[in-house]
Amino acid sequence: MEKIPSGACKTLHLVRHAQGMHNLESEKSRDPLTSYEFFDAQLSSQGWQQVRQKRKDVCANGLLKRIELVITSPMSRTLQTAVGIFHGEDQPELSDVTSYEEGNGRISDNDQQPTFNRPPIIALEVCRER
C-alpha cells in the first residue's frame, strides 16, 4: 500500500444551515415545505443564535484558522449561516459571497491572504437542495 504524502489530504467539514423560518412553519403543518413563500427562507431568530454559537465554537477550537474554503448553496439561509459562522457577522451582507464564476475578491493587496482570517465563501448552484 502506497503512503500518502503529508499535507496531500484535505479535511471536509459539513455544516447544516441553521434554523430557517420554513422550519418553524413546518412544525405547524407540512405546507411551508412546498410553499413558494418559504422556498428561499431566511434564518429565524433561533437560527441566528445557532449561528453565533457555532461561530464561538469554530473560533474557540482554532478551526477557523485552518479553514481554507467554504462552499455553500445560494439559498439565503445557507448563505446567512456560512457568512455568519465564517465571517462573524450577525446580519451578513451577501456581498461577502462570490459565485464560482466571479472568483473570490476577498484577498488583500499586500499579502494575498484572506483578510481577518476569513476563508473565501463560494456559492455553487449544484449545492442547492432539490
C-alpha atoms as a PDB file:
ATOM      1  CA  MET A   1       0.000   0.000   0.000  1.00  0.00           C
ATOM      2  CA  GLU A   2       1.350   3.385  -1.028  1.00  0.00           C
ATOM      3  CA  LYS A   3       1.871   6.016   1.657  1.00  0.00           C
ATOM      4  CA  ILE A   4       0.042   9.338   1.193  1.00  0.00           C
ATOM      5  CA  PRO A   5       2.425  12.312   1.380  1.00  0.00           C
ATOM      6  CA  SER A   6       1.970  14.644   4.330  1.00  0.00           C
ATOM      7  CA  GLY A   7      -0.324  17.548   3.505  1.00  0.00           C
ATOM      8  CA  ALA A   8      -1.790  15.796   0.457  1.00  0.00           C
ATOM      9  CA  CYS A   9      -5.166  15.272   2.116  1.00  0.00           C
ATOM     10  CA  LYS A  10      -7.876  17.784   2.930  1.00  0.00           C
ATOM     11  CA  THR A  11     -10.430  17.532   5.698  1.00  0.00           C
ATOM     12  CA  LEU A  12     -14.041  18.150   4.749  1.00  0.00           C
ATOM     13  CA  HIS A  13     -16.408  19.584   7.372  1.00  0.00           C
ATOM     14  CA  LEU A  14     -20.137  19.575   6.665  1.00  0.00           C
ATOM     15  CA  VAL A  15     -22.395  22.096   8.386  1.00  0.00           C
ATOM     16  CA  ARG A  16     -26.156  22.128   8.013  1.00  0.00           C
ATOM     17  CA  HIS A  17     -27.828  25.530   7.791  1.00  0.00           C
ATOM     18  CA  ALA A  18     -29.233  26.989  10.999  1.00  0.00           C
ATOM     19  CA  GLN A  19     -32.968  27.044  11.676  1.00  0.00           C
ATOM     20  CA  GLY A  20     -34.902  28.851   8.974  1.00  0.00           C
ATOM     21  CA  MET A  21     -38.359  30.378   9.011  1.00  0.00           C
ATOM     22  CA  HIS A  22     -39.584  27.413   6.948  1.00  0.00           C
ATOM     23  CA  ASN A  23     -38.523  25.075   9.778  1.00  0.00           C
ATOM     24  CA  LEU A  24     -40.679  26.995  12.259  1.00  0.00           C
ATOM     25  CA  GLU A  25     -43.681  26.942   9.957  1.00  0.00           C
ATOM     26  CA  SER A  26     -43.265  23.243   9.120  1.00  0.00           C
ATOM     27  CA  GLU A  27     -43.745  22.398  12.807  1.00  0.00           C
ATOM     28  CA  LYS A  28     -47.339  23.642  12.384  1.00  0.00           C
ATOM     29  CA  SER A  29     -48.037  21.929   9.043  1.00  0.00           C
ATOM     30  CA  ARG A  30     -46.201  20.416   6.066  1.00  0.00           C
ATOM     31  CA  ASP A  31     -47.387  23.183   3.711  1.00  0.00           C
ATOM     32  CA  PRO A  32     -44.356  25.506   4.139  1.00  0.00           C
ATOM     33  CA  LEU A  33     -42.005  22.843   2.796  1.00  0.00           C
ATOM     34  CA  THR A  34     -43.735  23.094  -0.579  1.00  0.00           C
ATOM     35  CA  SER A  35     -44.800  26.739  -0.375  1.00  0.00           C
ATOM     36  CA  TYR A  36     -43.331  29.339  -2.716  1.00  0.00           C
ATOM     37  CA  GLU A  37     -43.369  31.807   0.200  1.00  0.00           C
ATOM     38  CA  PHE A  38     -40.809  29.724   2.112  1.00  0.00           C
ATOM     39  CA  PHE A  39     -38.795  28.458  -0.864  1.00  0.00           C
ATOM     40  CA  ASP A  40     -35.866  30.740  -0.025  1.00  0.00           C
ATOM     41  CA  ALA A  41     -36.497  31.242   3.684  1.00  0.00           C
ATOM     42  CA  GLN A  42     -34.328  33.460   5.868  1.00  0.00           C
ATOM     43  CA  LEU A  43     -32.944  32.349   9.231  1.00  0.00           C
ATOM     44  CA  SER A  44     -35.197  32.582  12.280  1.00  0.00           C
ATOM     45  CA  SER A  45     -34.091  34.322  15.484  1.00  0.00           C
ATOM     46  CA  GLN A  46     -33.169  30.905  16.886  1.00  0.00           C
ATOM     47  CA  GLY A  47     -31.223  30.269  13.675  1.00  0.00           C
ATOM     48  CA  TRP A  48     -29.177  33.437  14.302  1.00  0.00           C
ATOM     49  CA  GLN A  49     -28.494  32.229  17.864  1.00  0.00           C
ATOM     50  CA  GLN A  50     -27.300  28.913  16.434  1.00  0.00           C
ATOM     51  CA  VAL A  51     -25.000  30.773  14.023  1.00  0.00           C
ATOM     52  CA  ARG A  52     -23.491  32.856  16.863  1.00  0.00           C
ATOM     53  CA  GLN A  53     -22.920  29.723  18.976  1.00  0.00           C
ATOM     54  CA  LYS A  54     -21.319  27.820  16.086  1.00  0.00           C
ATOM     55  CA  ARG A  55     -19.099  30.852  15.367  1.00  0.00           C
ATOM     56  CA  LYS A  56     -17.912  30.792  19.015  1.00  0.00           C
ATOM     57  CA  ASP A  57     -17.222  27.037  18.785  1.00  0.00           C
ATOM     58  CA  VAL A  58     -15.313  27.354  15.493  1.00  0.00           C
ATOM     59  CA  CYS A  59     -13.181  30.191  16.907  1.00  0.00           C
ATOM     60  CA  ALA A  60     -12.620  28.555  20.320  1.00  0.00           C
ATOM     61  CA  ASN A  61     -11.246  25.305  18.914  1.00  0.00           C
ATOM     62  CA  GLY A  62      -8.997  27.037  16.362  1.00  0.00           C
ATOM     63  CA  LEU A  63     -10.846  25.579  13.395  1.00  0.00           C
ATOM     64  CA  LEU A  64     -11.428  28.969  11.768  1.00  0.00           C
ATOM     65  CA  LYS A  65      -7.673  29.402  11.267  1.00  0.00           C
ATOM     66  CA  ARG A  66      -7.484  26.079   9.372  1.00  0.00           C
ATOM     67  CA  ILE A  67     -10.495  26.509   7.071  1.00  0.00           C
ATOM     68  CA  GLU A  68      -9.280  27.236   3.534  1.00  0.00           C
ATOM     69  CA  LEU A  69     -12.572  27.456   1.653  1.00  0.00           C
ATOM     70  CA  VAL A  70     -16.312  27.442   2.386  1.00  0.00           C
ATOM     71  CA  ILE A  71     -18.694  26.144  -0.264  1.00  0.00           C
ATOM     72  CA  THR A  72     -22.411  26.764   0.143  1.00  0.00           C
ATOM     73  CA  SER A  73     -25.638  26.686  -1.776  1.00  0.00           C
ATOM     74  CA  PRO A  74     -27.045  30.020  -2.998  1.00  0.00           C
ATOM     75  CA  MET A  75     -30.102  29.705  -0.697  1.00  0.00           C
ATOM     76  CA  SER A  76     -30.493  32.660   1.690  1.00  0.00           C
ATOM     77  CA  ARG A  77     -30.454  30.509   4.835  1.00  0.00           C
ATOM     78  CA  THR A  78     -27.258  28.718   3.794  1.00  0.00           C
ATOM     79  CA  LEU A  79     -25.548  31.960   2.799  1.00  0.00           C
ATOM     80  CA  GLN A  80     -26.536  33.570   6.110  1.00  0.00           C
ATOM     81  CA  THR A  81     -25.242  30.537   8.021  1.00  0.00           C
ATOM     82  CA  ALA A  82     -21.934  30.385   6.136  1.00  0.00           C
ATOM     83  CA  VAL A  83     -21.201  34.115   6.299  1.00  0.00           C
ATOM     84  CA  GLY A  84     -22.334  34.335   9.920  1.00  0.00           C
ATOM     85  CA  ILE A  85     -20.113  31.462  11.065  1.00  0.00           C
ATOM     86  CA  PHE A  86     -17.026  32.004   8.946  1.00  0.00           C
ATOM     87  CA  HIS A  87     -17.078  35.800   8.606  1.00  0.00           C
ATOM     88  CA  GLY A  88     -18.536  36.559  12.028  1.00  0.00           C
ATOM     89  CA  GLU A  89     -21.466  38.744  11.106  1.00  0.00           C
ATOM     90  CA  ASP A  90     -24.850  38.684  12.826  1.00  0.00           C
ATOM     91  CA  GLN A  91     -26.561  40.209   9.807  1.00  0.00           C
ATOM     92  CA  PRO A  92     -24.204  39.404   6.929  1.00  0.00           C
ATOM     93  CA  GLU A  93     -24.264  41.195   3.654  1.00  0.00           C
ATOM     94  CA  LEU A  94     -24.408  38.702   0.847  1.00  0.00           C
ATOM     95  CA  SER A  95     -21.747  40.742  -0.946  1.00  0.00           C
ATOM     96  CA  ASP A  96     -19.246  38.759   1.164  1.00  0.00           C
ATOM     97  CA  VAL A  97     -20.069  35.751  -1.002  1.00  0.00           C
ATOM     98  CA  THR A  98     -18.961  35.285  -4.579  1.00  0.00           C
ATOM     99  CA  SER A  99     -20.222  32.889  -7.162  1.00  0.00           C
ATOM    100  CA  TYR A 100     -17.803  30.356  -8.577  1.00  0.00           C
ATOM    101  CA  GLU A 101     -17.743  32.229 -11.861  1.00  0.00           C
ATOM    102  CA  GLU A 102     -16.805  35.576 -10.238  1.00  0.00           C
ATOM    103  CA  GLY A 103     -13.889  34.209  -8.256  1.00  0.00           C
ATOM    104  CA  ASN A 104     -13.008  35.447  -4.784  1.00  0.00           C
ATOM    105  CA  GLY A 105     -12.414  39.168  -4.316  1.00  0.00           C
ATOM    106  CA  ARG A 106     -11.662  38.914  -0.574  1.00  0.00           C
ATOM    107  CA  ILE A 107      -7.854  38.936  -0.981  1.00  0.00           C
ATOM    108  CA  SER A 108      -5.893  41.844   0.442  1.00  0.00           C
ATOM    109  CA  ASP A 109      -3.392  43.607  -1.804  1.00  0.00           C
ATOM    110  CA  ASN A 110      -0.302  43.260   0.375  1.00  0.00           C
ATOM    111  CA  ASP A 111      -0.176  39.625   1.497  1.00  0.00           C
ATOM    112  CA  GLN A 112      -2.534  37.708  -0.817  1.00  0.00           C
ATOM    113  CA  GLN A 113      -4.249  36.075   2.182  1.00  0.00           C
ATOM    114  CA  PRO A 114      -7.935  36.318   3.082  1.00  0.00           C
ATOM    115  CA  THR A 115      -8.493  39.330   5.328  1.00  0.00           C
ATOM    116  CA  PHE A 116      -9.391  38.904   9.014  1.00  0.00           C
ATOM    117  CA  ASN A 117      -8.905  35.102   8.887  1.00  0.00           C
ATOM    118  CA  ARG A 118     -11.984  34.896   6.737  1.00  0.00           C
ATOM    119  CA  PRO A 119     -11.948  31.984   4.330  1.00  0.00           C
ATOM    120  CA  PRO A 120     -13.385  32.660   0.891  1.00  0.00           C
ATOM    121  CA  ILE A 121     -17.030  31.641   0.501  1.00  0.00           C
ATOM    122  CA  ILE A 122     -18.239  30.366  -2.840  1.00  0.00           C
ATOM    123  CA  ALA A 123     -21.915  29.767  -3.592  1.00  0.00           C
ATOM    124  CA  LEU A 124     -22.476  26.947  -6.065  1.00  0.00           C
ATOM    125  CA  GLU A 125     -25.803  26.246  -7.718  1.00  0.00           C
ATOM    126  CA  VAL A 126     -25.112  22.486  -7.668  1.00  0.00           C
ATOM    127  CA  CYS A 127     -25.267  22.643  -3.862  1.00  0.00           C
ATOM    128  CA  ARG A 128     -28.896  23.841  -3.899  1.00  0.00           C
ATOM    129  CA  GLU A 129     -31.416  21.404  -2.447  1.00  0.00           C
ATOM    130  CA  ARG A 130     -33.675  19.754  -4.935  1.00  0.00           C
END
